[in-house]
Amino acid sequence: MRQAFIDVMVRHSVLRSLFIEQQGEVRQQVVPAVELPDYAWFRFSHETPAGDASEMLAKAGEHRFNLATELPLRATFLRDAATGRQLLSLLFHHVVLDEWSLNLMMEELGIAYRYRVAGLPPTWKTEVPQFYAFARQQQASGVRQKHLDYWLDNLRDAPVGQPLFQQAPSHHPAVPAEADVNGGWLEFDVDPAVADGLYAQARKNNASLFNVVYAGITTALRLLGGPADLLVGTSTSGRNDAEFFDTVGYFTTVVVHRVRFADSLTLAGLIDQVKNTINGSMPYTDIPIDLVEEGLFGAHADRKNHMFEVFIQIHSRIKLNGEFTLQDGSTVAYRQVEPEKTESLLGLQFEVMEENLDGVKSLRVMMTYRTDHYTAQQAGLIAGTIQHVFSHFAQHAGGDIPLSALSPAPQE
């Protein structure tokens, strides 16, 4: 497995890079493959005492990278004292890996592992351009003013996001509070019948599942007193150039959408609004959120917090659960073990997990929140209201029901 990792790191130089500040700029410095043994990025299970799996994974996840001296990934095999089973802790710094890249890496790691188990070096179909080539290209092209203007025109005069239960309308984050990263989290499974109804709603409205759950989550927040003009952050792939579709690196950009709730808005109308907003913004997603906020609030505005309180994203077909197929046809299965989440940079973050484990499809929602914005009881109320709204969305496939006809979930 170690050699398979090396194969992938050789193929994608960003995974074997240092990031060093020089004259006020951070520069990528690629570490030659022959020097990889000089860095402590891989550990076998015999190098770490066996212990409780959850505790060991949590401790491994606490590592803080020094990117000037450390490679941006750590692969650590651990042994569970209770079962004897080996676990692999994979830790990456976000500067080198986004979700698209994660899927690429897991696929190529499986290919390399299959070859190495057979005693062979991997054979790749094509060479891939390196991430630094994309970074140079992006820097050389500069900011596309037309693309920046798209965001400025759409977001100008929008009310800046505030904690849901502490609404204080504002159009300018003059001096935001110091960001508190302490966070709480919860998750819930979407009932299979409700999930089927959400998929049906998507088909009925010629929309994606993400459009429907995005509309459902924002509806729930509106029912709980959220603003009628709501800013929502989300992530996009940032891969607008097909040349880099097979390149590992951090391409993802954050964008902000504006959702407006008119009194007469229907369920189908909101789904359509969300769909059109997302699709219409796609050509302009090369603009970093920092440049948008700088254009709206000034270059010297204190931007410790983003202009949105709510962030929604979907994880679909993510390859953290699967299996490696070996040369003889046998398989090595792997499963993600999710760590506890104790930090949140965002006020409310919703991660919709569209999964297929062993042929069983499922849908669940992970919600993290800043504890200086929400109590555990308030977070539970939000989650309950979302489930309540999802049920309504699933039951009204026609989508012609006014959102004003929906009532919040009963408070416990």
Protein backbone atom coordinates (compact mmCIF):
# COMPACT_ATOMS: atom_id res chain seq x y z
CA MET A 1 0.00 0.00 0.00
CA ARG A 2 2.86 2.38 0.77
CA GLN A 3 4.28 1.90 -2.71
CA ALA A 4 0.82 2.44 -4.23
CA PHE A 5 0.62 5.77 -2.43
CA ILE A 6 4.05 6.69 -3.76
CA ASP A 7 2.92 5.84 -7.29
CA VAL A 8 0.00 8.26 -6.98
CA MET A 9 2.19 10.93 -5.37
CA VAL A 10 4.70 10.65 -8.21
CA ARG A 11 1.86 11.00 -10.72
CA HIS A 12 0.37 14.05 -8.97
CA SER A 13 3.16 16.28 -7.71
CA VAL A 14 0.86 18.45 -5.58
CA LEU A 15 0.64 15.54 -3.12
CA ARG A 16 4.42 15.68 -2.58
CA SER A 17 4.79 19.42 -2.30
CA LEU A 18 5.73 21.94 0.35
CA PHE A 19 4.09 25.35 0.45
CA ILE A 20 6.56 28.02 1.46
CA GLU A 21 5.97 31.73 1.93
CA GLN A 22 8.39 33.88 -0.05
CA GLN A 23 8.16 37.67 -0.21
CA GLY A 24 4.57 37.65 0.97
CA GLU A 25 3.43 34.95 -1.46
CA VAL A 26 2.96 31.22 -0.88
CA ARG A 27 4.79 29.13 -3.46
CA GLN A 28 4.55 25.42 -4.18
CA GLN A 29 7.83 23.52 -3.98
CA VAL A 30 7.68 19.99 -5.39
CA VAL A 31 9.64 17.37 -3.45
CA PRO A 32 11.52 14.95 -5.75
CA ALA A 33 10.19 11.39 -5.54
CA VAL A 34 13.57 10.07 -4.35
CA GLU A 35 13.29 12.31 -1.27
CA LEU A 36 9.90 11.00 -0.11
CA PRO A 37 11.54 8.67 2.48
CA ASP A 38 12.92 11.79 4.18
CA TYR A 39 9.40 12.87 5.21
CA ALA A 40 7.20 11.31 7.91
CA TRP A 41 4.02 10.89 5.88
CA PHE A 42 3.44 7.11 6.21
CA ARG A 43 3.35 4.83 9.26
CA PHE A 44 2.75 1.09 9.54
CA SER A 45 0.54 -0.27 12.32
CA HIS A 46 3.49 -1.79 14.21
CA GLU A 47 4.89 1.73 14.66
CA THR A 48 1.90 2.78 16.77
CA PRO A 49 0.64 0.90 19.87
CA ALA A 50 -2.74 -0.79 19.41
CA GLY A 51 -5.66 0.91 21.13
CA ASP A 52 -9.26 2.00 20.89
CA ALA A 53 -10.12 2.62 17.24
CA SER A 54 -12.24 5.71 17.82
CA GLU A 55 -9.69 7.32 20.11
CA MET A 56 -6.79 6.62 17.77
CA LEU A 57 -8.62 7.98 14.73
CA ALA A 58 -9.63 11.08 16.66
CA LYS A 59 -6.06 11.66 17.79
CA ALA A 60 -4.72 11.17 14.27
CA GLY A 61 -7.25 13.70 13.02
CA GLU A 62 -5.97 16.34 15.44
CA HIS A 63 -2.71 16.73 13.55
CA ARG A 64 -2.02 20.25 12.29
CA PHE A 65 0.14 20.44 9.18
CA ASN A 66 3.15 22.70 8.85
CA LEU A 67 3.08 22.91 5.08
CA ALA A 68 6.49 24.55 4.92
CA THR A 69 8.16 21.41 6.28
CA GLU A 70 5.61 18.59 5.95
CA LEU A 71 3.95 16.90 3.01
CA PRO A 72 0.22 17.68 2.90
CA LEU A 73 -0.92 14.13 3.59
CA ARG A 74 -0.49 11.51 6.30
CA ALA A 75 -1.31 7.83 5.88
CA THR A 76 -1.24 5.99 9.20
CA PHE A 77 -2.15 2.35 9.77
CA LEU A 78 -3.61 1.72 13.22
CA ARG A 79 -4.60 -1.52 14.96
CA ASP A 80 -7.77 -1.82 17.01
CA ALA A 81 -6.85 -3.63 20.23
CA ALA A 82 -10.36 -5.07 20.61
CA THR A 83 -10.70 -6.67 17.17
CA GLY A 84 -7.15 -6.81 15.84
CA ARG A 85 -8.42 -5.12 12.69
CA GLN A 86 -6.22 -2.60 10.93
CA LEU A 87 -7.56 0.87 10.19
CA LEU A 88 -6.07 3.42 7.84
CA SER A 89 -6.18 7.06 8.86
CA LEU A 90 -5.92 9.24 5.76
CA LEU A 91 -5.41 12.89 6.55
CA PHE A 92 -5.02 15.59 3.92
CA HIS A 93 -4.64 19.33 4.02
CA HIS A 94 -7.46 20.90 2.04
CA VAL A 95 -4.99 22.96 0.01
CA VAL A 96 -4.20 19.92 -2.17
CA LEU A 97 -7.41 17.93 -2.37
CA ASP A 98 -11.04 18.62 -3.23
CA GLU A 99 -13.86 16.09 -3.60
CA TRP A 100 -13.29 15.59 -7.33
CA SER A 101 -9.60 15.00 -6.64
CA LEU A 102 -10.42 12.61 -3.81
CA ASN A 103 -12.38 10.40 -6.21
CA LEU A 104 -9.53 10.54 -8.72
CA MET A 105 -6.99 9.65 -6.06
CA MET A 106 -8.98 6.71 -4.67
CA GLU A 107 -9.50 5.33 -8.18
CA GLU A 108 -5.82 5.60 -9.04
CA LEU A 109 -4.76 4.28 -5.64
CA GLY A 110 -6.84 1.18 -6.39
CA ILE A 111 -5.13 0.78 -9.76
CA ALA A 112 -1.66 1.19 -8.26
CA TYR A 113 -2.46 -1.20 -5.39
CA ARG A 114 -3.71 -3.86 -7.82
CA TYR A 115 -0.46 -3.71 -9.78
CA ARG A 116 1.80 -3.59 -6.73
CA VAL A 117 0.13 -6.62 -5.10
CA ALA A 118 0.98 -8.48 -8.32
CA GLY A 119 4.59 -7.25 -8.10
CA LEU A 120 4.26 -4.84 -11.01
CA PRO A 121 4.50 -1.07 -11.42
CA PRO A 122 1.21 0.57 -12.45
CA THR A 123 0.51 1.43 -16.06
CA TRP A 124 -1.36 4.70 -16.63
CA LYS A 125 -3.38 5.33 -19.78
CA THR A 126 -2.36 8.97 -20.04
CA GLU A 127 -0.11 11.54 -18.45
CA VAL A 128 -1.87 14.30 -16.53
CA PRO A 129 -1.06 18.02 -16.32
CA GLN A 130 0.08 19.15 -12.90
CA PHE A 131 -1.85 21.45 -10.61
CA TYR A 132 0.89 24.09 -10.67
CA ALA A 133 0.26 24.45 -14.42
CA PHE A 134 -3.35 25.33 -13.66
CA ALA A 135 -2.24 27.80 -10.96
CA ARG A 136 0.17 29.50 -13.37
CA GLN A 137 -2.50 29.66 -16.06
CA GLN A 138 -4.99 31.14 -13.62
CA GLN A 139 -2.51 33.74 -12.41
CA ALA A 140 -1.54 34.73 -15.95
CA SER A 141 -5.15 35.16 -17.08
CA GLY A 142 -6.00 37.50 -14.19
CA VAL A 143 -9.50 38.36 -13.01
CA ARG A 144 -12.26 38.37 -15.59
CA GLN A 145 -14.05 41.61 -14.80
CA LYS A 146 -17.25 40.50 -16.52
CA HIS A 147 -17.38 37.44 -14.28
CA LEU A 148 -16.71 39.49 -11.15
CA ASP A 149 -19.41 41.98 -12.16
CA TYR A 150 -21.91 39.13 -12.43
CA TRP A 151 -21.54 38.42 -8.72
CA LEU A 152 -21.39 42.05 -7.66
CA ASP A 153 -24.58 42.86 -9.58
CA ASN A 154 -26.44 39.87 -8.15
CA LEU A 155 -25.33 40.30 -4.53
CA ARG A 156 -25.20 44.06 -4.14
CA ASP A 157 -27.51 45.30 -1.33
CA ALA A 158 -28.27 41.74 -0.21
CA PRO A 159 -28.71 41.40 3.56
CA VAL A 160 -25.63 39.83 5.09
CA GLY A 161 -26.25 36.49 6.77
CA GLN A 162 -26.96 36.48 10.50
CA PRO A 163 -27.59 33.64 12.97
CA LEU A 164 -31.09 32.34 12.31
CA PHE A 165 -32.53 33.09 15.75
CA GLN A 166 -30.67 36.38 16.16
CA GLN A 167 -31.86 38.22 13.08
CA ALA A 168 -30.44 41.74 12.89
CA PRO A 169 -30.84 42.90 9.28
CA SER A 170 -27.65 44.36 7.87
CA HIS A 171 -26.33 45.12 4.41
CA HIS A 172 -22.74 45.61 5.46
CA PRO A 173 -20.59 43.54 7.84
CA ALA A 174 -18.89 46.62 9.30
CA VAL A 175 -16.95 44.88 12.07
CA PRO A 176 -17.83 41.19 12.25
CA ALA A 177 -17.34 39.35 15.49
CA GLU A 178 -14.21 37.29 15.86
CA ALA A 179 -14.86 33.94 14.21
CA ASP A 180 -15.38 31.17 16.79
CA VAL A 181 -14.57 27.77 15.32
CA ASN A 182 -16.08 25.72 18.16
CA GLY A 183 -18.79 23.63 16.59
CA GLY A 184 -21.44 21.03 17.15
CA TRP A 185 -22.89 18.55 14.73
CA LEU A 186 -25.72 16.14 14.17
CA GLU A 187 -26.99 14.01 11.35
CA PHE A 188 -30.18 12.34 10.28
CA ASP A 189 -31.15 9.72 7.74
CA VAL A 190 -33.86 10.59 5.26
CA ASP A 191 -36.59 7.96 5.34
CA PRO A 192 -36.34 5.83 2.16
CA ALA A 193 -39.95 6.62 1.20
CA VAL A 194 -39.27 10.34 1.65
CA ALA A 195 -36.04 10.05 -0.35
CA ASP A 196 -37.98 8.37 -3.17
CA GLY A 197 -40.44 11.27 -3.08
CA LEU A 198 -37.63 13.81 -3.30
CA TYR A 199 -36.20 12.04 -6.34
CA ALA A 200 -39.68 12.03 -7.89
CA GLN A 201 -39.98 15.75 -7.17
CA ALA A 202 -36.68 16.31 -8.96
CA ARG A 203 -37.82 14.37 -12.02
CA LYS A 204 -41.17 16.18 -12.08
CA ASN A 205 -39.43 19.57 -12.09
CA ASN A 206 -36.62 18.57 -14.46
CA ALA A 207 -34.22 19.35 -11.63
CA SER A 208 -31.46 17.60 -9.71
CA LEU A 209 -31.77 16.10 -6.26
CA PHE A 210 -29.48 18.88 -5.05
CA ASN A 211 -31.93 21.50 -6.35
CA VAL A 212 -34.75 19.85 -4.38
CA VAL A 213 -32.93 19.37 -1.06
CA TYR A 214 -31.43 22.88 -1.36
CA ALA A 215 -34.98 24.23 -1.76
CA GLY A 216 -36.17 22.09 1.14
CA ILE A 217 -33.45 23.24 3.53
CA THR A 218 -33.93 26.91 2.72
CA THR A 219 -37.71 26.53 3.09
CA ALA A 220 -37.21 25.07 6.57
CA LEU A 221 -34.99 28.01 7.54
CA ARG A 222 -37.60 30.44 6.23
CA LEU A 223 -40.33 28.73 8.29
CA LEU A 224 -38.15 29.16 11.37
CA GLY A 225 -37.89 32.91 10.84
CA GLY A 226 -35.10 33.14 8.31
CA PRO A 227 -35.02 36.15 5.97
CA ALA A 228 -37.10 36.39 2.81
CA ASP A 229 -33.88 37.38 1.02
CA LEU A 230 -31.43 34.64 1.97
CA LEU A 231 -27.78 34.27 1.00
CA VAL A 232 -26.60 30.68 0.64
CA GLY A 233 -23.03 29.55 0.10
CA THR A 234 -22.18 26.42 -1.82
CA SER A 235 -19.20 24.86 -3.54
CA THR A 236 -18.53 24.27 -7.22
CA SER A 237 -15.89 22.11 -8.86
CA GLY A 238 -13.91 25.06 -10.26
CA ARG A 239 -12.87 22.86 -13.19
CA ASN A 240 -13.91 24.98 -16.12
CA ASP A 241 -11.06 23.67 -18.27
CA ALA A 242 -11.37 20.04 -19.43
CA GLU A 243 -7.59 19.80 -19.70
CA PHE A 244 -7.42 19.48 -15.89
CA PHE A 245 -10.29 17.04 -15.34
CA ASP A 246 -7.82 14.28 -14.37
CA THR A 247 -5.55 16.47 -12.23
CA VAL A 248 -5.43 16.16 -8.45
CA GLY A 249 -5.46 19.51 -6.65
CA TYR A 250 -7.77 21.96 -4.95
CA PHE A 251 -9.89 23.53 -7.70
CA THR A 252 -13.11 24.00 -5.72
CA THR A 253 -14.50 27.51 -5.39
CA VAL A 254 -17.15 28.88 -3.04
CA VAL A 255 -20.01 30.87 -4.50
CA VAL A 256 -22.99 32.69 -2.99
CA HIS A 257 -26.55 32.41 -4.24
CA ARG A 258 -29.46 34.64 -3.38
CA VAL A 259 -32.81 32.97 -2.63
CA ARG A 260 -35.89 35.17 -2.53
CA PHE A 261 -39.14 34.07 -0.92
CA ALA A 262 -42.12 35.91 -2.40
CA ASP A 263 -45.45 35.51 -0.58
CA SER A 264 -46.94 33.61 -3.52
CA LEU A 265 -43.95 31.33 -4.09
CA THR A 266 -44.82 27.66 -4.60
CA LEU A 267 -42.77 24.57 -3.97
CA ALA A 268 -42.18 24.08 -7.70
CA GLY A 269 -41.43 27.77 -8.11
CA LEU A 270 -38.69 27.64 -5.49
CA ILE A 271 -37.13 24.53 -7.00
CA ASP A 272 -37.15 26.27 -10.38
CA GLN A 273 -35.59 29.41 -8.88
CA VAL A 274 -32.83 27.40 -7.21
CA LYS A 275 -32.16 25.41 -10.38
CA ASN A 276 -31.96 28.50 -12.58
CA THR A 277 -29.81 30.39 -10.08
CA ILE A 278 -27.28 27.57 -9.83
CA ASN A 279 -27.21 26.81 -13.55
CA GLY A 280 -27.03 30.48 -14.51
CA SER A 281 -24.06 31.08 -12.23
CA MET A 282 -21.93 28.17 -13.43
CA PRO A 283 -19.98 30.06 -16.14
CA TYR A 284 -18.87 32.61 -13.53
CA THR A 285 -17.62 30.27 -10.81
CA ASP A 286 -13.95 31.02 -11.49
CA ILE A 287 -14.15 34.10 -9.24
CA PRO A 288 -13.00 33.47 -5.63
CA ILE A 289 -15.45 34.50 -2.92
CA ASP A 290 -12.80 36.75 -1.35
CA LEU A 291 -12.72 38.94 -4.47
CA VAL A 292 -16.51 39.18 -4.47
CA GLU A 293 -16.60 40.23 -0.82
CA GLU A 294 -13.77 42.68 -1.39
CA GLY A 295 -15.72 44.22 -4.26
CA LEU A 296 -18.85 44.52 -2.13
CA PHE A 297 -17.39 45.66 1.18
CA GLY A 298 -14.02 47.20 0.31
CA ALA A 299 -10.46 45.95 0.24
CA HIS A 300 -9.90 46.73 3.90
CA ALA A 301 -13.17 45.37 5.29
CA ASP A 302 -12.69 43.06 8.26
CA ARG A 303 -13.75 39.76 6.71
CA LYS A 304 -13.36 37.26 9.52
CA ASN A 305 -16.71 35.78 8.55
CA HIS A 306 -18.20 35.25 5.10
CA MET A 307 -21.27 37.19 3.99
CA PHE A 308 -23.48 34.09 4.20
CA GLU A 309 -24.63 32.23 7.30
CA VAL A 310 -25.85 29.10 5.50
CA PHE A 311 -23.81 26.69 3.40
CA ILE A 312 -25.33 23.75 1.51
CA GLN A 313 -23.48 21.11 -0.50
CA ILE A 314 -24.08 17.59 -1.77
CA HIS A 315 -21.68 14.66 -1.78
CA SER A 316 -22.70 12.24 -4.51
CA ARG A 317 -20.85 9.08 -5.51
CA ILE A 318 -17.90 9.99 -3.33
CA LYS A 319 -15.37 7.15 -3.35
CA LEU A 320 -14.66 6.86 0.35
CA ASN A 321 -16.60 3.62 0.45
CA GLY A 322 -15.81 0.92 -2.08
CA GLU A 323 -13.36 -1.81 -2.89
CA PHE A 324 -10.09 -2.39 -4.70
CA THR A 325 -10.20 -5.20 -7.26
CA LEU A 326 -6.98 -7.22 -7.48
CA GLN A 327 -5.49 -8.99 -10.51
CA ASP A 328 -6.98 -12.36 -9.50
CA GLY A 329 -10.48 -10.91 -9.20
CA SER A 330 -10.52 -10.80 -5.39
CA THR A 331 -11.44 -7.55 -3.68
CA VAL A 332 -10.33 -5.48 -0.71
CA ALA A 333 -13.26 -3.49 0.67
CA TYR A 334 -12.86 -0.16 2.41
CA ARG A 335 -15.26 2.03 4.37
CA GLN A 336 -15.10 5.57 5.65
CA VAL A 337 -15.11 5.98 9.43
CA GLU A 338 -16.36 9.49 10.07
CA PRO A 339 -14.72 11.41 12.92
CA GLU A 340 -16.52 13.58 15.43
CA LYS A 341 -16.81 17.18 14.26
CA THR A 342 -15.87 19.70 16.93
CA GLU A 343 -15.15 22.72 14.75
CA SER A 344 -17.18 24.76 12.29
CA LEU A 345 -16.05 27.87 10.44
CA LEU A 346 -19.55 28.34 9.05
CA GLY A 347 -22.70 29.27 10.93
CA LEU A 348 -24.81 26.46 9.48
CA GLN A 349 -23.36 23.89 7.11
CA PHE A 350 -25.46 21.15 5.54
CA GLU A 351 -23.78 18.23 3.79
CA VAL A 352 -26.22 16.05 1.89
CA MET A 353 -24.77 12.55 1.53
CA GLU A 354 -26.10 10.56 -1.44
CA GLU A 355 -24.66 7.09 -0.85
CA ASN A 356 -24.72 3.58 -2.24
CA LEU A 357 -23.22 1.03 0.15
CA ASP A 358 -23.24 -2.59 -0.98
CA GLY A 359 -25.98 -1.82 -3.47
CA VAL A 360 -28.21 -0.09 -0.91
CA LYS A 361 -28.99 3.53 -1.74
CA SER A 362 -29.44 6.00 1.09
CA LEU A 363 -29.72 9.71 1.75
CA ARG A 364 -28.63 11.48 4.91
CA VAL A 365 -27.87 14.99 6.02
CA MET A 366 -24.92 16.04 8.18
CA MET A 367 -25.30 19.41 9.85
CA THR A 368 -22.51 21.31 11.59
CA TYR A 369 -23.01 24.61 13.35
CA ARG A 370 -21.09 27.22 15.28
CA THR A 371 -21.87 26.94 18.95
CA ASP A 372 -21.66 30.70 19.38
CA HIS A 373 -24.56 30.97 16.91
CA TYR A 374 -26.77 28.00 17.88
CA THR A 375 -27.53 25.85 20.88
CA ALA A 376 -27.89 22.09 20.60
CA GLN A 377 -31.64 22.50 21.11
CA GLN A 378 -31.88 25.03 18.27
CA ALA A 379 -29.85 22.73 16.02
CA GLY A 380 -32.26 19.91 16.79
CA LEU A 381 -35.21 22.16 15.92
CA ILE A 382 -33.62 23.04 12.59
CA ALA A 383 -32.96 19.38 11.77
CA GLY A 384 -36.51 18.40 12.74
CA THR A 385 -38.01 21.16 10.61
CA ILE A 386 -35.93 20.10 7.60
CA GLN A 387 -37.20 16.54 7.93
CA HIS A 388 -40.75 17.89 8.23
CA VAL A 389 -40.33 19.95 5.05
CA PHE A 390 -38.72 17.06 3.18
CA SER A 391 -41.81 14.98 3.96
CA HIS A 392 -44.06 17.70 2.53
CA PHE A 393 -41.89 18.00 -0.57
CA ALA A 394 -42.06 14.23 -1.06
CA GLN A 395 -45.85 14.16 -0.73
CA HIS A 396 -46.60 16.94 -3.22
CA ALA A 397 -45.10 15.70 -6.47
CA GLY A 398 -47.04 18.32 -8.41
CA GLY A 399 -45.19 21.05 -6.60
CA ASP A 400 -48.05 23.54 -6.83
CA ILE A 401 -48.52 23.92 -3.07
CA PRO A 402 -47.71 27.45 -1.78
CA LEU A 403 -44.80 27.47 0.64
CA SER A 404 -46.90 29.69 2.90
CA ALA A 405 -49.21 26.70 3.43
CA LEU A 406 -46.43 24.74 5.13
CA SER A 407 -46.20 24.86 8.89
CA PRO A 408 -43.06 24.40 10.97
CA ALA A 409 -42.49 21.06 12.63
CA PRO A 410 -44.02 20.78 16.11
CA GLN A 411 -41.57 21.97 18.73
CA GLU A 412 -40.73 19.45 21.40
